[in-house]
C-alpha atoms as a PDB file:
ATOM      1  CA  MET A   1      -0.031   0.166  -0.082  1.00  0.00           C
ATOM      2  CA  ILE A   2       2.792   2.408   0.812  1.00  0.00           C
ATOM      3  CA  ALA A   3       4.719   1.690  -2.487  1.00  0.00           C
ATOM      4  CA  TYR A   4       1.761   3.171  -4.697  1.00  0.00           C
ATOM      5  CA  PRO A   5       1.917   6.792  -3.308  1.00  0.00           C
ATOM      6  CA  LEU A   6       5.727   6.648  -3.398  1.00  0.00           C
ATOM      7  CA  LEU A   7       5.598   5.595  -6.886  1.00  0.00           C
ATOM      8  CA  LEU A   8       3.246   8.376  -7.846  1.00  0.00           C
ATOM      9  CA  LEU A   9       5.474  10.925  -5.971  1.00  0.00           C
ATOM     10  CA  THR A  10       8.588   9.631  -7.737  1.00  0.00           C
ATOM     11  CA  SER A  11       6.857   9.782 -11.148  1.00  0.00           C
ATOM     12  CA  TYR A  12       5.719  13.351 -10.532  1.00  0.00           C
ATOM     13  CA  GLN A  13       9.227  14.436  -9.350  1.00  0.00           C
ATOM     14  CA  SER A  14      10.859  13.060 -12.552  1.00  0.00           C
ATOM     15  CA  ASN A  15       8.241  14.509 -14.778  1.00  0.00           C
ATOM     16  CA  LYS A  16       8.699  17.806 -12.966  1.00  0.00           C
ATOM     17  CA  LYS A  17      12.532  17.668 -13.575  1.00  0.00           C
ATOM     18  CA  ARG A  18      11.986  17.183 -17.177  1.00  0.00           C
ATOM     19  CA  SER A  19      10.018  20.531 -17.637  1.00  0.00           C
ATOM     20  CA  MET A  20      12.498  22.699 -15.903  1.00  0.00           C
ATOM     21  CA  ILE A  21      14.708  25.148 -17.913  1.00  0.00           C
ATOM     22  CA  SER A  22      17.480  23.201 -19.540  1.00  0.00           C
ATOM     23  CA  LYS A  23      19.804  25.955 -20.799  1.00  0.00           C
ATOM     24  CA  MET A  24      20.222  29.567 -21.831  1.00  0.00           C
ATOM     25  CA  SER A  25      20.344  30.341 -25.593  1.00  0.00           C
ATOM     26  CA  HIS A  26      20.721  34.072 -25.707  1.00  0.00           C
ATOM     27  CA  VAL A  27      22.122  36.787 -23.431  1.00  0.00           C
ATOM     28  CA  SER A  28      22.166  40.547 -23.995  1.00  0.00           C
ATOM     29  CA  VAL A  29      25.083  42.969 -24.009  1.00  0.00           C
ATOM     30  CA  TYR A  30      23.827  46.546 -24.228  1.00  0.00           C
ATOM     31  CA  VAL A  31      25.834  48.636 -26.796  1.00  0.00           C
ATOM     32  CA  LEU A  32      25.898  52.214 -27.814  1.00  0.00           C
ATOM     33  CA  ASP A  33      26.077  51.601 -31.504  1.00  0.00           C
ATOM     34  CA  GLN A  34      25.247  48.176 -33.352  1.00  0.00           C
ATOM     35  CA  ASN A  35      27.419  48.892 -36.270  1.00  0.00           C
ATOM     36  CA  SER A  36      30.337  49.666 -34.181  1.00  0.00           C
ATOM     37  CA  ALA A  37      29.690  46.689 -31.924  1.00  0.00           C
ATOM     38  CA  TYR A  38      29.430  44.437 -34.981  1.00  0.00           C
ATOM     39  CA  ASP A  39      32.881  45.638 -36.005  1.00  0.00           C
ATOM     40  CA  PHE A  40      34.348  45.102 -32.465  1.00  0.00           C
ATOM     41  CA  TYR A  41      32.926  41.673 -31.759  1.00  0.00           C
ATOM     42  CA  VAL A  42      33.277  40.313 -35.222  1.00  0.00           C
ATOM     43  CA  ASN A  43      36.415  41.883 -36.638  1.00  0.00           C
ATOM     44  CA  LYS A  44      38.472  42.376 -33.354  1.00  0.00           C
ATOM     45  CA  LEU A  45      37.275  39.453 -31.048  1.00  0.00           C
ATOM     46  CA  GLY A  46      36.670  37.052 -33.988  1.00  0.00           C
ATOM     47  CA  PHE A  47      33.046  36.117 -33.053  1.00  0.00           C
ATOM     48  CA  GLU A  48      30.710  34.773 -35.600  1.00  0.00           C
ATOM     49  CA  VAL A  49      27.629  36.416 -36.709  1.00  0.00           C
ATOM     50  CA  LYS A  50      24.531  34.115 -35.756  1.00  0.00           C
ATOM     51  CA  THR A  51      21.811  36.479 -36.782  1.00  0.00           C
ATOM     52  CA  ASP A  52      21.618  39.888 -38.406  1.00  0.00           C
ATOM     53  CA  ALA A  53      18.175  40.739 -39.430  1.00  0.00           C
ATOM     54  CA  PRO A  54      15.906  43.890 -39.549  1.00  0.00           C
ATOM     55  CA  MET A  55      13.257  44.042 -36.791  1.00  0.00           C
ATOM     56  CA  GLY A  56      10.529  46.459 -37.267  1.00  0.00           C
ATOM     57  CA  ASP A  57      10.911  49.838 -38.855  1.00  0.00           C
ATOM     58  CA  GLU A  58      14.320  50.898 -37.408  1.00  0.00           C
ATOM     59  CA  GLY A  59      15.367  47.756 -35.310  1.00  0.00           C
ATOM     60  CA  ARG A  60      17.915  45.170 -35.898  1.00  0.00           C
ATOM     61  CA  TRP A  61      18.265  41.687 -34.303  1.00  0.00           C
ATOM     62  CA  LEU A  62      22.155  41.113 -34.040  1.00  0.00           C
ATOM     63  CA  THR A  63      23.574  38.114 -32.372  1.00  0.00           C
ATOM     64  CA  VAL A  64      27.108  36.859 -32.351  1.00  0.00           C
ATOM     65  CA  ALA A  65      29.054  34.059 -30.715  1.00  0.00           C
ATOM     66  CA  PRO A  66      32.620  32.906 -30.011  1.00  0.00           C
ATOM     67  CA  PRO A  67      33.426  30.344 -32.717  1.00  0.00           C
ATOM     68  CA  ASP A  68      33.657  27.395 -30.343  1.00  0.00           C
ATOM     69  CA  GLN A  69      30.390  28.128 -28.530  1.00  0.00           C
ATOM     70  CA  SER A  70      27.466  28.045 -31.026  1.00  0.00           C
ATOM     71  CA  ASP A  71      24.787  27.241 -28.417  1.00  0.00           C
ATOM     72  CA  LEU A  72      24.879  30.579 -26.707  1.00  0.00           C
ATOM     73  CA  GLU A  73      24.228  33.659 -28.817  1.00  0.00           C
ATOM     74  CA  ILE A  74      25.079  37.310 -27.492  1.00  0.00           C
ATOM     75  CA  THR A  75      22.484  39.767 -28.490  1.00  0.00           C
ATOM     76  CA  LEU A  76      24.133  43.085 -29.163  1.00  0.00           C
ATOM     77  CA  MET A  77      21.205  45.162 -28.022  1.00  0.00           C
ATOM     78  CA  PRO A  78      21.320  48.907 -28.725  1.00  0.00           C
ATOM     79  CA  ILE A  79      20.287  51.274 -25.986  1.00  0.00           C
ATOM     80  CA  ALA A  80      17.565  53.253 -27.548  1.00  0.00           C
ATOM     81  CA  GLU A  81      14.349  55.059 -26.722  1.00  0.00           C
ATOM     82  CA  GLY A  82      11.429  52.753 -27.603  1.00  0.00           C
ATOM     83  CA  MET A  83      10.464  49.349 -26.832  1.00  0.00           C
ATOM     84  CA  LEU A  84      12.566  48.707 -23.736  1.00  0.00           C
ATOM     85  CA  PHE A  85      13.575  52.371 -22.460  1.00  0.00           C
ATOM     86  CA  ASN A  86      11.988  55.613 -22.251  1.00  0.00           C
ATOM     87  CA  LYS A  87      14.094  58.694 -23.043  1.00  0.00           C
ATOM     88  CA  ASP A  88      15.329  59.194 -19.414  1.00  0.00           C
ATOM     89  CA  THR A  89      16.195  55.580 -18.944  1.00  0.00           C
ATOM     90  CA  ALA A  90      17.992  55.214 -22.230  1.00  0.00           C
ATOM     91  CA  ALA A  91      20.201  58.213 -21.190  1.00  0.00           C
ATOM     92  CA  GLN A  92      20.858  56.756 -17.783  1.00  0.00           C
ATOM     93  CA  MET A  93      21.781  53.358 -19.516  1.00  0.00           C
ATOM     94  CA  ARG A  94      24.130  54.904 -22.108  1.00  0.00           C
ATOM     95  CA  THR A  95      25.994  56.817 -19.235  1.00  0.00           C
ATOM     96  CA  LEU A  96      26.245  53.541 -17.266  1.00  0.00           C
ATOM     97  CA  VAL A  97      27.634  51.413 -20.115  1.00  0.00           C
ATOM     98  CA  GLN A  98      30.074  54.231 -21.244  1.00  0.00           C
ATOM     99  CA  ASN A  99      31.349  54.536 -17.804  1.00  0.00           C
ATOM    100  CA  GLY A 100      31.990  50.729 -17.514  1.00  0.00           C
ATOM    101  CA  THR A 101      29.581  50.441 -14.731  1.00  0.00           C
ATOM    102  CA  PHE A 102      26.992  48.215 -16.066  1.00  0.00           C
ATOM    103  CA  GLY A 103      28.152  45.453 -18.520  1.00  0.00           C
ATOM    104  CA  PHE A 104      30.355  42.492 -17.398  1.00  0.00           C
ATOM    105  CA  GLY A 105      31.064  39.000 -18.686  1.00  0.00           C
ATOM    106  CA  VAL A 106      33.741  36.398 -18.531  1.00  0.00           C
ATOM    107  CA  PHE A 107      35.225  34.793 -21.690  1.00  0.00           C
ATOM    108  CA  GLU A 108      37.744  32.042 -21.868  1.00  0.00           C
ATOM    109  CA  CYS A 109      40.632  31.204 -24.292  1.00  0.00           C
ATOM    110  CA  LYS A 110      43.220  28.479 -24.652  1.00  0.00           C
ATOM    111  CA  ASP A 111      46.334  30.695 -24.698  1.00  0.00           C
ATOM    112  CA  ILE A 112      45.837  33.939 -22.836  1.00  0.00           C
ATOM    113  CA  TYR A 113      49.142  35.468 -23.838  1.00  0.00           C
ATOM    114  CA  ALA A 114      48.721  34.897 -27.556  1.00  0.00           C
ATOM    115  CA  THR A 115      45.188  36.097 -27.340  1.00  0.00           C
ATOM    116  CA  TYR A 116      46.265  39.158 -25.431  1.00  0.00           C
ATOM    117  CA  GLU A 117      48.826  40.032 -28.036  1.00  0.00           C
ATOM    118  CA  GLU A 118      46.442  39.471 -30.990  1.00  0.00           C
ATOM    119  CA  LEU A 119      43.653  41.453 -29.496  1.00  0.00           C
ATOM    120  CA  THR A 120      45.961  44.249 -28.432  1.00  0.00           C
ATOM    121  CA  ALA A 121      47.322  44.382 -32.003  1.00  0.00           C
ATOM    122  CA  LYS A 122      43.692  44.894 -33.121  1.00  0.00           C
ATOM    123  CA  GLY A 123      43.164  47.860 -30.909  1.00  0.00           C
ATOM    124  CA  VAL A 124      41.389  46.118 -27.892  1.00  0.00           C
ATOM    125  CA  GLU A 125      41.722  48.261 -24.836  1.00  0.00           C
ATOM    126  CA  PHE A 126      43.040  46.162 -21.781  1.00  0.00           C
ATOM    127  CA  SER A 127      42.896  47.528 -18.234  1.00  0.00           C
ATOM    128  CA  LYS A 128      44.672  44.592 -16.913  1.00  0.00           C
ATOM    129  CA  GLN A 129      47.360  42.506 -18.568  1.00  0.00           C
ATOM    130  CA  PRO A 130      47.439  38.637 -18.157  1.00  0.00           C
ATOM    131  CA  THR A 131      47.890  38.221 -14.527  1.00  0.00           C
ATOM    132  CA  LYS A 132      48.226  34.868 -12.589  1.00  0.00           C
ATOM    133  CA  GLU A 133      45.452  34.822 -10.084  1.00  0.00           C
ATOM    134  CA  PHE A 134      44.345  32.015  -7.750  1.00  0.00           C
ATOM    135  CA  TYR A 135      41.567  30.989 -10.027  1.00  0.00           C
ATOM    136  CA  GLY A 136      43.662  31.094 -13.316  1.00  0.00           C
ATOM    137  CA  ILE A 137      45.306  33.677 -15.589  1.00  0.00           C
ATOM    138  CA  GLU A 138      43.136  36.757 -16.089  1.00  0.00           C
ATOM    139  CA  ALA A 139      43.166  39.773 -18.355  1.00  0.00           C
ATOM    140  CA  VAL A 140      40.502  42.531 -18.373  1.00  0.00           C
ATOM    141  CA  PHE A 141      39.309  44.430 -21.504  1.00  0.00           C
ATOM    142  CA  LYS A 142      36.478  46.810 -22.539  1.00  0.00           C
ATOM    143  CA  ASP A 143      34.359  46.621 -25.676  1.00  0.00           C
ATOM    144  CA  ASP A 144      33.684  49.582 -27.864  1.00  0.00           C
ATOM    145  CA  SER A 145      30.784  50.688 -25.724  1.00  0.00           C
ATOM    146  CA  GLY A 146      32.357  50.425 -22.385  1.00  0.00           C
ATOM    147  CA  ASN A 147      31.270  46.982 -21.183  1.00  0.00           C
ATOM    148  CA  TRP A 148      34.118  45.292 -19.506  1.00  0.00           C
ATOM    149  CA  PHE A 149      35.093  41.560 -19.762  1.00  0.00           C
ATOM    150  CA  SER A 150      37.343  39.223 -17.987  1.00  0.00           C
ATOM    151  CA  LEU A 151      39.389  36.999 -20.308  1.00  0.00           C
ATOM    152  CA  GLY A 152      40.685  33.893 -18.660  1.00  0.00           C
ATOM    153  CA  GLN A 153      42.838  30.881 -19.027  1.00  0.00           C
ATOM    154  CA  LYS A 154      42.343  27.818 -16.544  1.00  0.00           C
END
């Protein structure tokens, strides 16, 4: 008699787990100008364009990804008055991003010293050269909008 309710509970729990979120497919990085961001992420960082499509009258859906990570797309989201932001909020967001106080992310590479040299030669601005830390080797750079990123090698 006790086994039947236990079986129902186990069945419910396993079905519940299957309906949970399984992964993230897109993440947004707010940018000041999509054309400039395209150049930075594609031509300087070497990312691949996943989607570049018009969206509405003046919008554009632009996603990129590192070449070895095709299952996560980075949406280069413009800070503009309209769907997401009113005029005041857009101005505040632009200031936060420009000042490097809003965006943050962590990228990984296989050879941080070679990657640092290549990106520096392409004009990427680093605020921290590759440095050995307790968690690995890390460098820090900003994109063309002001978002900063950690670049790590484990």
